[in-house]
Amino acid sequence: MKFEIFKNKRNQKFYFNLKSRNGAVVLTSEGMPNKGAVKRCIASVQKNVNNEKWIETKVTKSGVHTFTIVNSKNNIVGKSKKYNSLVTLKKGLRAVTRASSTDVVLDLTNADN
């Protein structure tokens, strides 16, 4: 389980992926202007993932389920993948809760700011 910080070469924004033990991405961030903002988002996910107040779930008309984790300013700090049912969404949220307890944060950006 680990957070990975990376920079998108196309838009020059920084992101994180939260990966489970099997390497699957269970949560990703919005694009941020710098690594410091991404690190604050990681801290917010670790702090807020256990509080339903900061979890927002959505269902599309076609039945696709997703969730986001927001901060106190209602900004999205992490978003899930798409799930086919509420049951699998809940399993995904439990996986994010387990994985977010990690202290492992890998910076894949090298010297990028």
Protein backbone atom coordinates (compact mmCIF):
# COMPACT_ATOMS: atom_id res chain seq x y z
CA MET A 1 0.00 0.00 0.00
CA LYS A 2 1.39 3.34 -0.98
CA PHE A 3 0.74 6.81 -2.24
CA GLU A 4 2.58 7.74 -5.42
CA ILE A 5 3.08 11.38 -6.42
CA PHE A 6 3.53 11.99 -10.13
CA LYS A 7 3.48 14.82 -12.64
CA ASN A 8 1.40 14.71 -15.79
CA LYS A 9 3.73 15.81 -18.58
CA ARG A 10 0.84 16.99 -20.74
CA ASN A 11 -0.78 19.46 -18.33
CA GLN A 12 2.19 19.88 -15.95
CA LYS A 13 0.00 19.23 -12.88
CA PHE A 14 0.84 17.01 -9.94
CA TYR A 15 -1.33 14.08 -8.78
CA PHE A 16 -1.31 11.17 -6.40
CA ASN A 17 -2.48 7.61 -6.81
CA LEU A 18 -3.23 5.48 -3.79
CA LYS A 19 -2.37 1.88 -4.59
CA SER A 20 -3.49 -1.25 -2.77
CA ARG A 21 -1.21 -4.19 -1.96
CA ASN A 22 -1.85 -5.75 -5.36
CA GLY A 23 -0.86 -2.53 -7.13
CA ALA A 24 -4.37 -1.50 -8.15
CA VAL A 25 -5.13 2.22 -8.05
CA VAL A 26 -7.93 2.67 -5.50
CA LEU A 27 -7.96 6.48 -5.33
CA THR A 28 -6.53 9.32 -7.38
CA SER A 29 -6.36 13.06 -6.87
CA GLU A 30 -7.36 16.04 -8.92
CA GLY A 31 -4.50 17.87 -10.64
CA MET A 32 -2.57 20.23 -8.36
CA PRO A 33 -0.16 23.08 -9.16
CA ASN A 34 2.68 21.71 -7.00
CA LYS A 35 3.82 18.77 -4.86
CA GLY A 36 3.05 20.61 -1.63
CA ALA A 37 -0.63 20.74 -2.55
CA VAL A 38 -0.61 17.02 -3.36
CA LYS A 39 1.01 16.22 0.00
CA ARG A 40 -1.70 18.24 1.77
CA CYS A 41 -4.34 16.24 -0.12
CA ILE A 42 -2.72 12.98 0.95
CA ALA A 43 -2.82 14.15 4.58
CA SER A 44 -6.47 15.13 4.16
CA VAL A 45 -7.36 11.71 2.74
CA GLN A 46 -5.61 10.00 5.66
CA LYS A 47 -7.47 12.21 8.12
CA ASN A 48 -10.94 12.20 6.52
CA VAL A 49 -11.39 8.76 4.96
CA ASN A 50 -12.90 7.34 8.16
CA ASN A 51 -15.50 10.09 8.48
CA GLU A 52 -18.65 9.75 6.36
CA LYS A 53 -19.04 13.52 6.56
CA TRP A 54 -16.19 13.87 4.03
CA ILE A 55 -17.27 11.05 1.68
CA GLU A 56 -19.60 11.84 -1.19
CA THR A 57 -21.09 9.01 -3.24
CA LYS A 58 -22.77 9.36 -6.63
CA VAL A 59 -24.69 7.12 -8.99
CA THR A 60 -25.08 7.94 -12.67
CA LYS A 61 -28.25 7.28 -14.62
CA SER A 62 -26.53 4.24 -16.11
CA GLY A 63 -25.89 2.80 -12.62
CA VAL A 64 -22.19 3.61 -12.27
CA HIS A 65 -21.17 4.28 -8.66
CA THR A 66 -18.28 6.53 -7.57
CA PHE A 67 -17.13 8.28 -4.43
CA THR A 68 -15.00 11.28 -3.63
CA ILE A 69 -13.26 12.41 -0.48
CA VAL A 70 -13.53 16.13 0.18
CA ASN A 71 -11.87 18.51 2.61
CA SER A 72 -13.39 21.12 4.92
CA LYS A 73 -13.61 23.58 2.00
CA ASN A 74 -15.58 20.95 0.02
CA ASN A 75 -12.72 20.55 -2.47
CA ILE A 76 -12.17 17.08 -3.88
CA VAL A 77 -8.95 15.57 -2.52
CA GLY A 78 -9.42 12.07 -3.92
CA LYS A 79 -11.75 10.25 -6.28
CA SER A 80 -12.50 6.58 -6.74
CA LYS A 81 -12.65 4.46 -9.81
CA LYS A 82 -16.05 3.47 -11.22
CA TYR A 83 -18.03 0.64 -9.63
CA ASN A 84 -20.93 -1.36 -11.03
CA SER A 85 -22.87 -1.61 -7.76
CA LEU A 86 -23.22 -0.16 -4.31
CA VAL A 87 -21.76 -3.38 -2.88
CA THR A 88 -18.55 -3.05 -4.90
CA LEU A 89 -18.36 0.67 -4.10
CA LYS A 90 -18.45 -0.15 -0.38
CA LYS A 91 -15.70 -2.73 -0.88
CA GLY A 92 -13.68 -0.10 -2.72
CA LEU A 93 -14.17 2.41 0.07
CA ARG A 94 -12.98 -0.17 2.62
CA ALA A 95 -9.91 -0.80 0.44
CA VAL A 96 -9.19 2.94 0.36
CA THR A 97 -9.61 3.14 4.13
CA ARG A 98 -7.11 0.30 4.64
CA ALA A 99 -4.65 1.57 2.04
CA SER A 100 -4.73 5.20 3.21
CA SER A 101 -3.35 4.22 6.60
CA THR A 102 0.07 3.78 4.98
CA ASP A 103 2.93 6.14 5.65
CA VAL A 104 4.60 5.19 2.36
CA VAL A 105 4.64 8.12 -0.06
CA LEU A 106 6.76 7.66 -3.16
CA ASP A 107 7.69 10.78 -5.11
CA LEU A 108 7.98 9.72 -8.75
CA THR A 109 8.63 13.26 -9.96
CA ASN A 110 12.38 13.37 -9.21
CA ALA A 111 13.38 17.03 -8.95
CA ASP A 112 10.17 18.47 -10.49
CA ASN A 113 8.58 21.16 -8.31
